[in-house]
């Protein structure tokens, strides 16, 4: 293909002319294109002038555009007059053609970059990552960005403040986590953030993550869930239990009565229609995750969040130093969240050493294998249930007493009594853009469900009537 076929100056002039002579068209079309989509630099400058004027609520006309171009020393009188003399082209097909030609030019440029990188004998992983990143940017119509000057940054910030004011000063800026107090402290799950959910085993970090994911799905937000430890059907069983208030153990055994079956069928229909994408491959590298997630985002632009269970099960590229690997993974996840414009929520294990302390509530220094997690994360949440340790201590006490022959039957005064609902703490150990603190929740063990302490839903009680196991669906 010859270079002259990679642009069309007549279409560029016609689109700019339409912005001058058809009020309101700029609002409709400007969100689909950028200044980089214009081949001729002077056309790009005119579009940039229009964008600035539009942000300032000023008229997009010859006088204001000329004044801005003069102030920026980018004025080309011949080109501006040529645009004004051109017949306006406002049909959507012309915008689509402009984008197509722009994309073709970027693909040609990328082809040259790939060839040069291959000849220079760069590392293959580095080449593949760069190519995937740039190809994703092209398909999302995002070219390499230049510096933003102070004026552009100020106007973007002002638009953000206006948007928040229109919301009435609500605490929620990003996605709703489903937990009111957590939203108030974190402003929700925000685009580009790396959120770490960390805990010792059995504290419920996977359940907590699935509860948040289920809330996002309820709002029509696409969710990708990478499960390195648990098969996809086991994840869905937990989500179904939390959704239906059917005990997880009954779901596992298929011990359901007619009412439960009806509730389960409705819940399964809900999840079947949702935008949930599960990857349960156990061997996952940061490179493979990056490739899979970019591909998923390209095919499903409404993807709004990604969960990873859990970070320490992933592999890096070094293969030797585990600390360096975890640092690479942590940094890669943060950059990927920013690149895709979605929050990435990664689960993490904590060091065993915290269990030797009197107060076993976790802190940042307990993050396992790398301090880079603390550095890269925007938000770090610790899941803590004191009853887990009380139960463990009681079991160890009983075992010791039995070994010494002090107790032969059930203890009449146990230090810990198993409860269907336990108090839970979500400890905000780091919050880059907000306060730290503790959020009190309740954990309903039978349903693997966390709920707001003041909003415990009424449980549905079913008769223990068994049904034919042959009618239970297979995932």
Protein backbone atom coordinates (compact mmCIF):
# COMPACT_ATOMS: atom_id res chain seq x y z
CA UNK A 1 0.00 0.00 0.00
CA UNK A 2 1.36 3.42 -0.94
CA UNK A 3 1.63 6.08 1.73
CA UNK A 4 -0.86 8.35 -0.11
CA UNK A 5 -3.55 5.77 0.66
CA UNK A 6 -2.96 6.12 4.39
CA UNK A 7 -4.64 9.52 4.66
CA UNK A 8 -7.37 11.60 3.02
CA UNK A 9 -6.99 15.36 3.35
CA UNK A 10 -10.42 16.01 1.80
CA UNK A 11 -12.12 14.04 4.59
CA UNK A 12 -10.01 15.77 7.24
CA UNK A 13 -11.00 19.21 5.91
CA UNK A 14 -14.66 18.22 5.58
CA UNK A 15 -14.88 17.00 9.18
CA UNK A 16 -13.23 20.15 10.55
CA UNK A 17 -15.56 22.26 8.38
CA UNK A 18 -18.56 20.45 9.86
CA UNK A 19 -17.35 21.35 13.35
CA UNK A 20 -17.39 25.03 12.31
CA UNK A 21 -20.74 25.14 10.56
CA UNK A 22 -22.89 22.57 12.38
CA UNK A 23 -23.32 23.49 16.08
CA UNK A 24 -23.53 20.45 18.32
CA UNK A 25 -21.69 18.13 15.93
CA UNK A 26 -18.44 18.54 17.83
CA UNK A 27 -20.11 17.14 20.98
CA UNK A 28 -21.20 14.07 19.05
CA UNK A 29 -18.03 13.31 17.09
CA UNK A 30 -15.12 14.63 19.16
CA UNK A 31 -15.33 11.79 21.69
CA UNK A 32 -14.58 9.29 18.91
CA UNK A 33 -11.41 10.92 17.55
CA UNK A 34 -8.33 12.76 18.75
CA UNK A 35 -5.89 15.28 17.29
CA UNK A 36 -3.52 12.39 16.46
CA UNK A 37 -6.07 10.98 13.99
CA UNK A 38 -5.39 13.87 11.57
CA UNK A 39 -2.48 13.32 9.20
CA UNK A 40 -1.76 16.98 8.39
CA UNK A 41 -0.22 18.74 11.43
CA UNK A 42 -2.14 21.96 10.72
CA UNK A 43 -5.43 19.99 10.78
CA UNK A 44 -4.37 18.42 14.05
CA UNK A 45 -3.71 21.89 15.51
CA UNK A 46 -7.16 23.14 14.44
CA UNK A 47 -8.85 20.18 16.11
CA UNK A 48 -6.78 20.76 19.27
CA UNK A 49 -7.90 24.40 19.31
CA UNK A 50 -11.52 23.30 19.02
CA UNK A 51 -11.09 20.84 21.88
CA UNK A 52 -9.68 23.53 24.19
CA UNK A 53 -12.44 25.99 23.28
CA UNK A 54 -15.09 23.33 23.84
CA UNK A 55 -13.68 22.57 27.30
CA UNK A 56 -13.84 26.29 28.12
CA UNK A 57 -17.46 26.56 26.87
CA UNK A 58 -16.37 29.03 24.19
CA UNK A 59 -17.73 29.14 20.63
CA UNK A 60 -16.00 27.00 18.01
CA UNK A 61 -15.81 29.63 15.29
CA UNK A 62 -13.22 31.20 13.02
CA UNK A 63 -12.35 34.05 15.36
CA UNK A 64 -11.77 32.01 18.51
CA UNK A 65 -9.91 29.24 16.69
CA UNK A 66 -7.64 31.77 14.99
CA UNK A 67 -6.91 33.53 18.29
CA UNK A 68 -5.96 30.26 19.98
CA UNK A 69 -3.72 29.16 17.11
CA UNK A 70 -2.00 32.56 17.10
CA UNK A 71 -1.44 32.40 20.88
CA UNK A 72 0.14 28.95 20.46
CA UNK A 73 2.14 30.06 17.39
CA UNK A 74 0.51 27.35 15.27
CA UNK A 75 -1.56 29.53 12.95
CA UNK A 76 -1.58 28.63 9.26
CA UNK A 77 -3.90 31.05 7.45
CA UNK A 78 -4.00 29.16 4.14
CA UNK A 79 -5.02 25.88 5.80
CA UNK A 80 -7.69 27.51 7.98
CA UNK A 81 -9.25 29.31 5.01
CA UNK A 82 -9.14 26.09 2.99
CA UNK A 83 -11.05 24.28 5.77
CA UNK A 84 -13.66 27.05 5.99
CA UNK A 85 -14.20 26.87 2.22
CA UNK A 86 -14.71 23.07 2.25
CA UNK A 87 -18.15 21.44 2.17
CA UNK A 88 -18.94 20.06 5.66
CA UNK A 89 -18.91 16.28 6.06
CA UNK A 90 -20.93 15.26 9.10
CA UNK A 91 -21.98 11.72 8.26
CA UNK A 92 -20.65 9.15 10.82
CA UNK A 93 -19.00 7.23 7.96
CA UNK A 94 -16.42 10.00 7.55
CA UNK A 95 -15.42 9.82 11.22
CA UNK A 96 -15.08 6.06 10.86
CA UNK A 97 -12.92 6.50 7.75
CA UNK A 98 -10.69 9.00 9.55
CA UNK A 99 -10.17 6.52 12.39
CA UNK A 100 -9.50 3.67 9.97
CA UNK A 101 -6.78 5.59 8.13
CA UNK A 102 -5.24 6.68 11.43
CA UNK A 103 -5.19 3.07 12.64
CA UNK A 104 -3.55 1.91 9.42
CA UNK A 105 -0.77 4.48 9.82
CA UNK A 106 -0.13 3.35 13.38
CA UNK A 107 -0.04 -0.29 12.34
CA UNK A 108 2.53 0.54 9.65
CA UNK A 109 4.64 2.39 12.24
CA UNK A 110 4.34 -0.55 14.61
CA UNK A 111 5.48 -2.91 11.85
CA UNK A 112 8.67 -0.89 11.42
CA UNK A 113 9.24 -0.90 15.20
CA UNK A 114 8.79 -4.69 15.37
CA UNK A 115 11.29 -5.22 12.55
CA UNK A 116 13.84 -2.94 14.18
CA UNK A 117 13.41 -4.61 17.58
CA UNK A 118 13.85 -8.08 16.04
CA UNK A 119 17.00 -7.02 14.18
CA UNK A 120 18.43 -5.42 17.34
CA UNK A 121 18.05 -8.83 19.06
CA UNK A 122 16.07 -7.55 22.02
CA UNK A 123 14.69 -10.04 24.53
CA UNK A 124 11.68 -11.87 23.05
CA UNK A 125 9.50 -11.33 26.14
CA UNK A 126 10.27 -7.62 26.04
CA UNK A 127 9.40 -7.40 22.33
CA UNK A 128 6.13 -9.33 22.76
CA UNK A 129 5.06 -7.20 25.71
CA UNK A 130 5.80 -3.96 23.85
CA UNK A 131 3.98 -5.14 20.73
CA UNK A 132 0.93 -6.29 22.71
CA UNK A 133 0.83 -3.01 24.61
CA UNK A 134 1.04 -0.87 21.49
CA UNK A 135 -1.37 -3.06 19.54
CA UNK A 136 -3.88 -2.78 22.38
CA UNK A 137 -3.46 1.00 22.40
CA UNK A 138 -4.09 1.09 18.65
CA UNK A 139 -7.20 -1.08 18.79
CA UNK A 140 -8.53 1.07 21.63
CA UNK A 141 -7.74 4.13 19.51
CA UNK A 142 -5.10 5.32 21.96
CA UNK A 143 -1.85 6.44 20.41
CA UNK A 144 1.30 7.28 22.30
CA UNK A 145 0.52 10.33 24.36
CA UNK A 146 2.65 13.43 24.48
CA UNK A 147 3.09 15.68 27.51
CA UNK A 148 -0.04 17.37 28.84
CA UNK A 149 0.53 21.05 29.36
CA UNK A 150 -0.71 22.87 32.47
CA UNK A 151 -3.80 24.20 30.71
CA UNK A 152 -4.98 20.73 29.70
CA UNK A 153 -4.34 19.29 33.16
CA UNK A 154 -6.21 22.17 34.83
CA UNK A 155 -9.24 21.75 32.57
CA UNK A 156 -9.33 17.98 33.06
CA UNK A 157 -9.16 18.46 36.83
CA UNK A 158 -11.92 21.07 36.72
CA UNK A 159 -14.14 18.73 34.72
CA UNK A 160 -13.55 16.00 37.31
CA UNK A 161 -14.52 18.32 40.18
CA UNK A 162 -17.66 19.42 38.32
CA UNK A 163 -18.59 15.78 37.75
CA UNK A 164 -18.17 14.99 41.44
CA UNK A 165 -20.25 18.04 42.38
CA UNK A 166 -23.06 16.85 40.13
CA UNK A 167 -23.07 13.59 42.10
CA UNK A 168 -23.91 15.57 45.19
CA UNK A 169 -20.66 14.97 47.06
CA UNK A 170 -21.16 11.22 47.26
CA UNK A 171 -18.36 9.12 48.73
CA UNK A 172 -18.50 6.70 45.82
CA UNK A 173 -16.24 7.64 42.90
CA UNK A 174 -15.35 4.23 41.45
CA UNK A 175 -17.18 0.89 41.45
CA UNK A 176 -19.40 0.00 44.42
CA UNK A 177 -17.77 -2.68 46.61
CA UNK A 178 -21.10 -3.53 48.21
CA UNK A 179 -19.85 -2.40 51.62
CA UNK A 180 -20.97 1.09 52.62
CA UNK A 181 -18.22 1.97 55.11
CA UNK A 182 -15.53 0.61 52.83
CA UNK A 183 -16.85 2.79 50.01
CA UNK A 184 -16.72 5.82 52.31
CA UNK A 185 -13.04 5.27 53.09
CA UNK A 186 -11.80 4.16 49.67
CA UNK A 187 -14.31 5.92 47.33
CA UNK A 188 -14.87 2.50 45.74
CA UNK A 189 -12.73 0.61 43.24
CA UNK A 190 -11.22 3.14 40.87
CA UNK A 191 -9.81 2.81 37.35
CA UNK A 192 -6.06 2.18 37.25
CA UNK A 193 -5.78 1.14 40.90
CA UNK A 194 -3.99 -1.95 42.20
CA UNK A 195 -5.90 -3.22 45.23
CA UNK A 196 -4.39 -5.93 47.45
CA UNK A 197 -6.61 -8.12 49.64
CA UNK A 198 -4.31 -9.93 52.07
CA UNK A 199 -4.89 -12.43 54.87
CA UNK A 200 -3.70 -15.62 56.49
CA UNK A 201 -5.40 -18.86 55.32
CA UNK A 202 -9.05 -19.44 56.36
CA UNK A 203 -9.73 -15.75 57.00
CA UNK A 204 -12.02 -15.51 53.95
CA UNK A 205 -10.07 -13.40 51.49
CA UNK A 206 -11.40 -15.37 48.49
CA UNK A 207 -14.96 -15.09 49.83
CA UNK A 208 -14.50 -11.35 50.33
CA UNK A 209 -13.20 -10.94 46.77
CA UNK A 210 -16.09 -13.01 45.36
CA UNK A 211 -18.60 -10.93 47.32
CA UNK A 212 -17.21 -7.76 45.72
CA UNK A 213 -17.12 -9.38 42.27
CA UNK A 214 -20.75 -10.45 42.64
CA UNK A 215 -21.72 -6.87 43.50
CA UNK A 216 -19.98 -5.58 40.37
CA UNK A 217 -21.82 -8.15 38.25
CA UNK A 218 -25.12 -7.00 39.77
CA UNK A 219 -24.36 -3.54 38.39
CA UNK A 220 -23.64 -4.90 34.89
CA UNK A 221 -19.86 -4.44 35.21
CA UNK A 222 -17.68 -7.01 33.44
CA UNK A 223 -15.42 -9.02 35.77
CA UNK A 224 -12.40 -11.19 34.95
CA UNK A 225 -11.43 -13.67 37.67
CA UNK A 226 -8.11 -15.51 37.50
CA UNK A 227 -8.28 -18.43 39.94
CA UNK A 228 -4.94 -20.18 40.32
CA UNK A 229 -5.99 -22.27 43.32
CA UNK A 230 -9.66 -23.15 42.86
CA UNK A 231 -11.55 -24.57 39.83
CA UNK A 232 -14.14 -22.34 38.17
CA UNK A 233 -17.11 -24.45 39.31
CA UNK A 234 -16.02 -24.16 42.96
CA UNK A 235 -15.89 -20.38 42.62
CA UNK A 236 -19.39 -20.33 41.20
CA UNK A 237 -20.70 -22.56 44.01
CA UNK A 238 -19.45 -19.98 46.54
CA UNK A 239 -21.04 -17.12 44.63
CA UNK A 240 -24.31 -19.05 44.35
CA UNK A 241 -24.33 -19.76 48.09
CA UNK A 242 -23.81 -16.09 48.92
CA UNK A 243 -26.47 -15.07 46.39
CA UNK A 244 -29.17 -17.55 47.39
CA UNK A 245 -28.55 -18.01 51.14
CA UNK A 246 -28.31 -21.74 50.52
CA UNK A 247 -25.52 -23.23 52.69
CA UNK A 248 -22.43 -24.00 50.63
CA UNK A 249 -22.27 -27.54 51.98
CA UNK A 250 -25.83 -28.24 50.77
CA UNK A 251 -24.90 -26.98 47.30
CA UNK A 252 -21.84 -29.24 47.22
CA UNK A 253 -23.93 -32.28 48.17
CA UNK A 254 -26.94 -31.36 46.05
CA UNK A 255 -29.07 -31.49 49.22
CA UNK A 256 -31.77 -29.09 47.98
CA UNK A 257 -35.53 -28.92 48.38
CA UNK A 258 -37.96 -27.48 45.83
CA UNK A 259 -37.76 -23.90 47.17
CA UNK A 260 -33.99 -23.99 47.19
CA UNK A 261 -33.95 -25.43 43.69
CA UNK A 262 -36.10 -22.55 42.42
CA UNK A 263 -33.84 -19.99 44.10
CA UNK A 264 -30.75 -21.71 42.69
CA UNK A 265 -32.18 -21.79 39.17
CA UNK A 266 -32.90 -18.06 39.30
CA UNK A 267 -29.40 -17.29 40.60
CA UNK A 268 -27.76 -19.43 37.94
CA UNK A 269 -29.75 -17.60 35.27
CA UNK A 270 -28.49 -14.32 36.72
CA UNK A 271 -24.85 -15.41 36.55
CA UNK A 272 -25.31 -16.93 33.10
CA UNK A 273 -26.43 -13.53 31.80
CA UNK A 274 -23.68 -11.67 33.64
CA UNK A 275 -20.34 -10.54 32.24
CA UNK A 276 -18.23 -12.95 34.26
CA UNK A 277 -15.05 -14.41 32.74
CA UNK A 278 -13.14 -17.04 34.71
CA UNK A 279 -9.65 -18.38 33.98
CA UNK A 280 -8.67 -21.26 36.28
CA UNK A 281 -5.31 -22.12 34.71
CA UNK A 282 -2.97 -22.97 37.56
CA UNK A 283 0.28 -22.05 35.78
CA UNK A 284 0.08 -18.32 35.11
CA UNK A 285 2.88 -15.86 34.45
CA UNK A 286 2.56 -12.09 34.48
CA UNK A 287 3.22 -12.12 30.72
CA UNK A 288 0.45 -14.63 30.04
CA UNK A 289 -2.00 -12.79 32.31
CA UNK A 290 -1.19 -9.51 30.60
CA UNK A 291 -1.79 -11.04 27.17
CA UNK A 292 -5.06 -12.72 28.19
CA UNK A 293 -6.45 -9.63 29.88
CA UNK A 294 -5.61 -7.30 27.00
CA UNK A 295 -7.26 -9.70 24.56
CA UNK A 296 -10.35 -9.94 26.78
CA UNK A 297 -10.56 -6.16 27.07
CA UNK A 298 -10.34 -5.80 23.29
CA UNK A 299 -13.25 -8.20 22.77
CA UNK A 300 -15.24 -6.93 25.78
CA UNK A 301 -14.67 -3.17 26.23
CA UNK A 302 -17.15 -3.16 29.14
CA UNK A 303 -14.73 -5.21 31.26
CA UNK A 304 -14.52 -3.17 34.44
CA UNK A 305 -12.42 -5.12 36.97
CA UNK A 306 -9.99 -8.00 37.32
CA UNK A 307 -9.45 -10.31 40.32
CA UNK A 308 -6.41 -12.57 40.84
CA UNK A 309 -6.46 -15.37 43.43
CA UNK A 310 -3.72 -15.25 44.42
CA UNK A 311 -0.55 -13.28 43.71
CA UNK A 312 2.03 -15.65 45.21
CA UNK A 313 0.90 -18.50 42.92
CA UNK A 314 1.89 -16.52 39.84
CA UNK A 315 5.29 -16.89 38.19
CA UNK A 316 7.73 -14.24 37.04
CA UNK A 317 10.43 -14.36 34.40
CA UNK A 318 13.53 -14.53 36.59
CA UNK A 319 12.84 -18.08 37.80
CA UNK A 320 15.40 -17.82 40.61
CA UNK A 321 14.97 -14.94 43.05
CA UNK A 322 11.40 -15.15 44.34
CA UNK A 323 11.51 -11.64 45.78
CA UNK A 324 12.44 -10.25 42.36
CA UNK A 325 9.68 -12.31 40.76
CA UNK A 326 7.01 -10.99 43.13
CA UNK A 327 8.31 -7.45 42.58
CA UNK A 328 8.03 -7.96 38.82
CA UNK A 329 4.48 -9.32 39.17
CA UNK A 330 3.38 -6.53 41.50
CA UNK A 331 4.77 -3.79 39.25
CA UNK A 332 3.35 -5.48 36.17
CA UNK A 333 -0.14 -5.59 37.68
CA UNK A 334 -0.02 -1.90 38.59
CA UNK A 335 1.08 -0.90 35.08
CA UNK A 336 -1.57 -3.16 33.53
CA UNK A 337 -4.33 -1.63 35.67
CA UNK A 338 -3.30 1.82 34.50
CA UNK A 339 -2.94 0.70 30.89
CA UNK A 340 -6.40 -0.93 30.74
CA UNK A 341 -8.09 1.71 32.89
CA UNK A 342 -9.60 -0.81 35.32
CA UNK A 343 -8.98 -1.73 38.96
CA UNK A 344 -7.01 -4.94 39.47
CA UNK A 345 -7.70 -6.69 42.77
CA UNK A 346 -4.99 -9.19 43.69
CA UNK A 347 -5.21 -11.50 46.69
CA UNK A 348 -2.07 -12.09 48.72
CA UNK A 349 -0.81 -14.36 51.50
CA UNK A 350 0.71 -13.02 54.71
CA UNK A 351 3.76 -14.21 56.60
CA UNK A 352 3.19 -16.89 59.24
CA UNK A 353 5.23 -14.91 61.79
CA UNK A 354 2.27 -12.69 62.69
CA UNK A 355 0.63 -15.67 64.46
CA UNK A 356 3.32 -15.58 67.15
CA UNK A 357 2.27 -12.07 68.22
CA UNK A 358 -0.20 -11.34 71.00
CA UNK A 359 -2.20 -9.11 68.65
CA UNK A 360 -2.44 -11.07 65.43
CA UNK A 361 -4.01 -8.31 63.40
CA UNK A 362 -1.92 -7.96 60.25
CA UNK A 363 0.17 -4.97 59.29
CA UNK A 364 2.02 -3.92 56.14
CA UNK A 365 5.27 -5.60 57.19
CA UNK A 366 3.44 -8.96 57.15
CA UNK A 367 3.02 -8.94 53.37
CA UNK A 368 4.70 -12.06 52.08
CA UNK A 369 7.85 -12.22 49.93
CA UNK A 370 8.20 -8.63 48.78
CA UNK A 371 8.03 -5.05 49.97
CA UNK A 372 7.26 -4.10 46.37
CA UNK A 373 3.61 -5.04 46.95
CA UNK A 374 3.34 -2.33 49.58
CA UNK A 375 5.00 0.16 47.26
CA UNK A 376 2.97 -0.60 44.12
CA UNK A 377 -0.48 -1.03 45.66
CA UNK A 378 -2.88 1.90 45.86
CA UNK A 379 -5.03 0.18 48.49
CA UNK A 380 -4.13 -2.69 50.82
CA UNK A 381 -6.96 -4.42 52.69
CA UNK A 382 -6.37 -7.02 55.40
CA UNK A 383 -9.15 -9.51 56.19
CA UNK A 384 -9.13 -10.43 59.88
CA UNK A 385 -11.48 -12.61 61.94
CA UNK A 386 -10.44 -13.06 65.55
CA UNK A 387 -12.69 -16.12 65.94
CA UNK A 388 -10.47 -18.06 63.52
CA UNK A 389 -7.61 -17.84 66.02
CA UNK A 390 -9.91 -18.46 69.01
CA UNK A 391 -11.10 -21.68 67.38
CA UNK A 392 -7.52 -22.71 66.59
CA UNK A 393 -6.39 -21.98 70.14
CA UNK A 394 -9.34 -23.96 71.55
CA UNK A 395 -8.52 -26.95 69.37
CA UNK A 396 -4.88 -26.90 70.45
CA UNK A 397 -5.91 -26.59 74.12
CA UNK A 398 -8.29 -29.55 73.82
CA UNK A 399 -5.67 -31.65 72.07
CA UNK A 400 -3.15 -30.88 74.81
CA UNK A 401 -5.62 -31.71 77.59
CA UNK A 402 -6.59 -34.99 75.93
CA UNK A 403 -2.94 -35.91 75.52
CA UNK A 404 -2.39 -35.28 79.25
CA UNK A 405 -5.53 -37.26 80.15
CA UNK A 406 -7.18 -34.29 81.84
CA UNK A 407 -10.34 -34.37 79.68
CA UNK A 408 -12.16 -37.45 78.43
CA UNK A 409 -15.47 -36.04 77.21
CA UNK A 410 -16.70 -32.78 75.68
CA UNK A 411 -15.48 -29.68 77.48
CA UNK A 412 -18.12 -28.09 79.71
CA UNK A 413 -16.49 -24.66 79.51
CA UNK A 414 -14.98 -24.17 76.05
CA UNK A 415 -13.09 -20.93 75.47
CA UNK A 416 -14.54 -20.75 71.97
CA UNK A 417 -18.07 -21.51 70.77
CA UNK A 418 -18.65 -21.98 67.04
CA UNK A 419 -21.10 -19.37 65.76
CA UNK A 420 -22.91 -19.14 62.40
CA UNK A 421 -21.95 -15.46 62.15
CA UNK A 422 -18.65 -13.98 63.23
CA UNK A 423 -17.35 -10.46 63.50
CA UNK A 424 -14.85 -9.54 60.80
CA UNK A 425 -12.52 -6.61 60.30
CA UNK A 426 -11.38 -5.19 57.01
CA UNK A 427 -8.23 -3.33 58.00
CA UNK A 428 -7.22 -0.64 55.51
CA UNK A 429 -3.45 -0.75 55.87
CA UNK A 430 -2.74 1.58 52.95
CA UNK A 431 -4.94 3.99 51.04
CA UNK A 432 -3.02 6.20 48.65
CA UNK A 433 -5.90 8.63 48.13
CA UNK A 434 -7.81 8.40 51.39
CA UNK A 435 -7.81 7.48 55.08
CA UNK A 436 -6.77 4.20 56.65
CA UNK A 437 -8.82 2.52 59.36
CA UNK A 438 -10.99 -0.47 60.14
CA UNK A 439 -14.34 -1.45 58.62
CA UNK A 440 -16.50 -3.78 60.75
CA UNK A 441 -18.41 -6.52 58.90
CA UNK A 442 -20.11 -9.81 59.74
CA UNK A 443 -19.10 -13.08 58.14
CA UNK A 444 -21.82 -15.67 57.56
CA UNK A 445 -19.84 -18.89 57.36
CA UNK A 446 -22.50 -21.15 55.88
CA UNK A 447 -22.92 -18.84 52.89
CA UNK A 448 -19.27 -17.65 52.62
CA UNK A 449 -20.71 -14.15 52.72
CA UNK A 450 -19.55 -10.88 54.27
CA UNK A 451 -22.27 -8.35 55.06
CA UNK A 452 -22.44 -4.87 56.54
CA UNK A 453 -22.73 -5.25 60.29
CA UNK A 454 -25.86 -3.06 60.44
CA UNK A 455 -27.52 -4.63 57.41
CA UNK A 456 -27.57 -8.37 58.07
CA UNK A 457 -30.15 -9.78 55.65
CA UNK A 458 -32.92 -12.02 56.91
CA UNK A 459 -31.97 -15.62 56.26
CA UNK A 460 -34.27 -17.90 54.29
CA UNK A 461 -34.91 -21.13 56.18
CA UNK A 462 -35.68 -24.21 54.11
CA UNK A 463 -36.99 -27.62 55.03
CA UNK A 464 -34.35 -30.33 54.70
CA UNK A 465 -36.11 -32.17 51.87
CA UNK A 466 -33.81 -34.01 49.49
CA UNK A 467 -34.45 -33.98 45.75
CA UNK A 468 -33.29 -36.18 42.92
CA UNK A 469 -29.55 -35.64 42.43
CA UNK A 470 -29.95 -36.38 38.72
CA UNK A 471 -31.65 -33.02 38.23
CA UNK A 472 -28.72 -31.08 39.65
CA UNK A 473 -26.93 -29.19 36.82
CA UNK A 474 -23.34 -29.90 35.89
CA UNK A 475 -21.04 -26.88 35.45
